[in-house]
Amino acid sequence: MEKTWKPGGSPGSVTASTALLNQKHATSNEPRTLTPSEIELLRRSKQEIAQRVQARRQGK
């Protein structure tokens, strides 16, 4: 069964990386630069999603 996205990085999140990214942060109207750890999490999430998409395509 396919897992769905849930706010807050709950166990139903798409990937482990997105679960960490989805944790609630303080909000502000001012833009800010991403931290190196946030950039790494985004990159890791992108790779995990690409791997899942590729696996699904090969499975069909």
N, C-alpha and C. Protein backbone atom coordinates (compact mmCIF):
# COMPACT_ATOMS: atom_id res chain seq x y z
N MET A 1 0.85 -1.19 0.00
CA MET A 1 0.00 0.00 0.00
C MET A 1 0.88 1.24 0.00
N GLU A 2 0.50 2.22 -0.77
CA GLU A 2 1.30 3.43 -0.91
C GLU A 2 1.13 4.35 0.29
N LYS A 3 2.25 4.86 0.81
CA LYS A 3 2.20 5.78 1.94
C LYS A 3 1.88 7.17 1.43
N THR A 4 1.14 7.92 2.22
CA THR A 4 0.78 9.28 1.85
C THR A 4 1.50 10.27 2.74
N TRP A 5 1.63 11.50 2.24
CA TRP A 5 2.28 12.57 2.99
C TRP A 5 1.38 12.99 4.12
N LYS A 6 1.98 13.20 5.28
CA LYS A 6 1.25 13.71 6.44
C LYS A 6 2.08 14.83 7.05
N PRO A 7 1.45 15.97 7.41
CA PRO A 7 2.19 17.08 8.00
C PRO A 7 2.92 16.66 9.27
N GLY A 8 4.06 17.30 9.50
CA GLY A 8 4.80 17.06 10.72
C GLY A 8 5.77 15.91 10.66
N GLY A 9 5.94 15.33 9.49
CA GLY A 9 6.91 14.25 9.37
C GLY A 9 6.51 12.99 10.10
N SER A 10 5.22 12.71 10.14
CA SER A 10 4.76 11.50 10.81
C SER A 10 5.19 10.27 10.02
N PRO A 11 5.05 9.09 10.57
CA PRO A 11 5.53 7.88 9.91
C PRO A 11 4.98 7.67 8.49
N GLY A 12 3.90 8.32 8.12
CA GLY A 12 3.35 8.15 6.78
C GLY A 12 4.03 9.01 5.73
N SER A 13 5.08 9.75 6.08
CA SER A 13 5.75 10.62 5.12
C SER A 13 6.35 9.83 3.98
N VAL A 14 6.56 10.49 2.86
CA VAL A 14 7.06 9.85 1.66
C VAL A 14 8.44 9.23 1.89
N THR A 15 9.36 9.97 2.48
CA THR A 15 10.71 9.45 2.73
C THR A 15 11.17 9.87 4.12
N ALA A 16 12.24 9.24 4.57
CA ALA A 16 12.80 9.61 5.88
C ALA A 16 13.27 11.06 5.88
N SER A 17 13.85 11.49 4.76
CA SER A 17 14.35 12.86 4.68
C SER A 17 13.22 13.88 4.75
N THR A 18 12.11 13.60 4.04
CA THR A 18 11.01 14.55 4.08
C THR A 18 10.37 14.59 5.45
N ALA A 19 10.44 13.49 6.18
CA ALA A 19 9.91 13.50 7.55
C ALA A 19 10.66 14.54 8.38
N LEU A 20 11.97 14.60 8.22
CA LEU A 20 12.75 15.59 8.95
C LEU A 20 12.45 17.00 8.46
N LEU A 21 12.29 17.15 7.16
CA LEU A 21 12.01 18.48 6.60
C LEU A 21 10.65 19.00 7.03
N ASN A 22 9.72 18.09 7.25
CA ASN A 22 8.35 18.49 7.58
C ASN A 22 8.14 18.86 9.04
N GLN A 23 9.16 18.70 9.87
CA GLN A 23 9.00 19.07 11.26
C GLN A 23 8.69 20.55 11.35
N LYS A 24 7.79 20.90 12.24
CA LYS A 24 7.31 22.28 12.34
C LYS A 24 8.43 23.22 12.77
N HIS A 25 8.60 24.28 12.02
CA HIS A 25 9.58 25.32 12.34
C HIS A 25 8.84 26.61 12.66
N ALA A 26 9.51 27.49 13.38
CA ALA A 26 8.93 28.81 13.64
C ALA A 26 8.73 29.53 12.31
N THR A 27 7.64 30.23 12.16
CA THR A 27 7.36 30.92 10.90
C THR A 27 7.69 32.39 11.01
N SER A 28 8.07 32.97 9.87
CA SER A 28 8.40 34.37 9.80
C SER A 28 8.08 34.88 8.40
N ASN A 29 7.78 36.16 8.28
CA ASN A 29 7.52 36.75 6.97
C ASN A 29 8.81 37.04 6.22
N GLU A 30 9.92 37.04 6.93
CA GLU A 30 11.21 37.34 6.32
C GLU A 30 11.84 36.07 5.73
N PRO A 31 12.29 36.12 4.47
CA PRO A 31 12.97 34.95 3.91
C PRO A 31 14.31 34.74 4.62
N ARG A 32 14.78 33.50 4.62
CA ARG A 32 16.07 33.21 5.23
C ARG A 32 16.81 32.21 4.36
N THR A 33 18.12 32.18 4.51
CA THR A 33 18.95 31.23 3.79
C THR A 33 18.83 29.87 4.47
N LEU A 34 18.76 28.81 3.66
CA LEU A 34 18.73 27.46 4.22
C LEU A 34 20.05 27.14 4.89
N THR A 35 19.97 26.38 5.95
CA THR A 35 21.19 25.93 6.61
C THR A 35 21.81 24.79 5.80
N PRO A 36 23.10 24.52 5.98
CA PRO A 36 23.71 23.40 5.26
C PRO A 36 23.00 22.08 5.51
N SER A 37 22.51 21.85 6.73
CA SER A 37 21.81 20.59 7.01
C SER A 37 20.47 20.53 6.27
N GLU A 38 19.78 21.66 6.13
CA GLU A 38 18.52 21.68 5.38
C GLU A 38 18.77 21.42 3.89
N ILE A 39 19.84 21.99 3.36
CA ILE A 39 20.20 21.76 1.97
C ILE A 39 20.50 20.28 1.75
N GLU A 40 21.24 19.67 2.66
CA GLU A 40 21.55 18.24 2.56
C GLU A 40 20.29 17.39 2.63
N LEU A 41 19.37 17.74 3.52
CA LEU A 41 18.11 16.99 3.61
C LEU A 41 17.30 17.10 2.33
N LEU A 42 17.27 18.28 1.73
CA LEU A 42 16.56 18.44 0.46
C LEU A 42 17.18 17.59 -0.64
N ARG A 43 18.50 17.58 -0.71
CA ARG A 43 19.20 16.77 -1.70
C ARG A 43 18.93 15.29 -1.49
N ARG A 44 19.00 14.85 -0.24
CA ARG A 44 18.76 13.44 0.08
C ARG A 44 17.32 13.05 -0.26
N SER A 45 16.38 13.93 0.06
CA SER A 45 14.97 13.67 -0.24
C SER A 45 14.77 13.54 -1.76
N LYS A 46 15.39 14.43 -2.51
CA LYS A 46 15.29 14.39 -3.96
C LYS A 46 15.81 13.06 -4.50
N GLN A 47 16.94 12.60 -3.97
CA GLN A 47 17.51 11.33 -4.41
C GLN A 47 16.61 10.15 -4.06
N GLU A 48 16.05 10.16 -2.84
CA GLU A 48 15.16 9.08 -2.41
C GLU A 48 13.91 9.02 -3.28
N ILE A 49 13.35 10.17 -3.60
CA ILE A 49 12.15 10.22 -4.44
C ILE A 49 12.48 9.72 -5.85
N ALA A 50 13.62 10.14 -6.39
CA ALA A 50 14.03 9.69 -7.72
C ALA A 50 14.20 8.17 -7.75
N GLN A 51 14.76 7.60 -6.68
CA GLN A 51 14.94 6.15 -6.61
C GLN A 51 13.59 5.44 -6.57
N ARG A 52 12.64 5.98 -5.83
CA ARG A 52 11.31 5.36 -5.77
C ARG A 52 10.60 5.43 -7.11
N VAL A 53 10.72 6.57 -7.79
CA VAL A 53 10.08 6.72 -9.11
C VAL A 53 10.69 5.73 -10.08
N GLN A 54 12.01 5.62 -10.07
CA GLN A 54 12.69 4.69 -10.97
C GLN A 54 12.28 3.25 -10.67
N ALA A 55 12.19 2.89 -9.40
CA ALA A 55 11.80 1.54 -9.01
C ALA A 55 10.38 1.23 -9.47
N ARG A 56 9.47 2.19 -9.36
CA ARG A 56 8.09 1.99 -9.81
C ARG A 56 8.02 1.81 -11.31
N ARG A 57 8.83 2.58 -12.05
CA ARG A 57 8.83 2.47 -13.50
C ARG A 57 9.36 1.11 -13.94
N GLN A 58 10.37 0.61 -13.26
CA GLN A 58 10.93 -0.69 -13.60
C GLN A 58 9.99 -1.82 -13.22
N GLY A 59 9.17 -1.60 -12.23
CA GLY A 59 8.22 -2.61 -11.76
C GLY A 59 7.02 -2.77 -12.66
N LYS A 60 6.77 -1.83 -13.54
CA LYS A 60 5.60 -1.89 -14.43
C LYS A 60 5.91 -2.52 -15.74
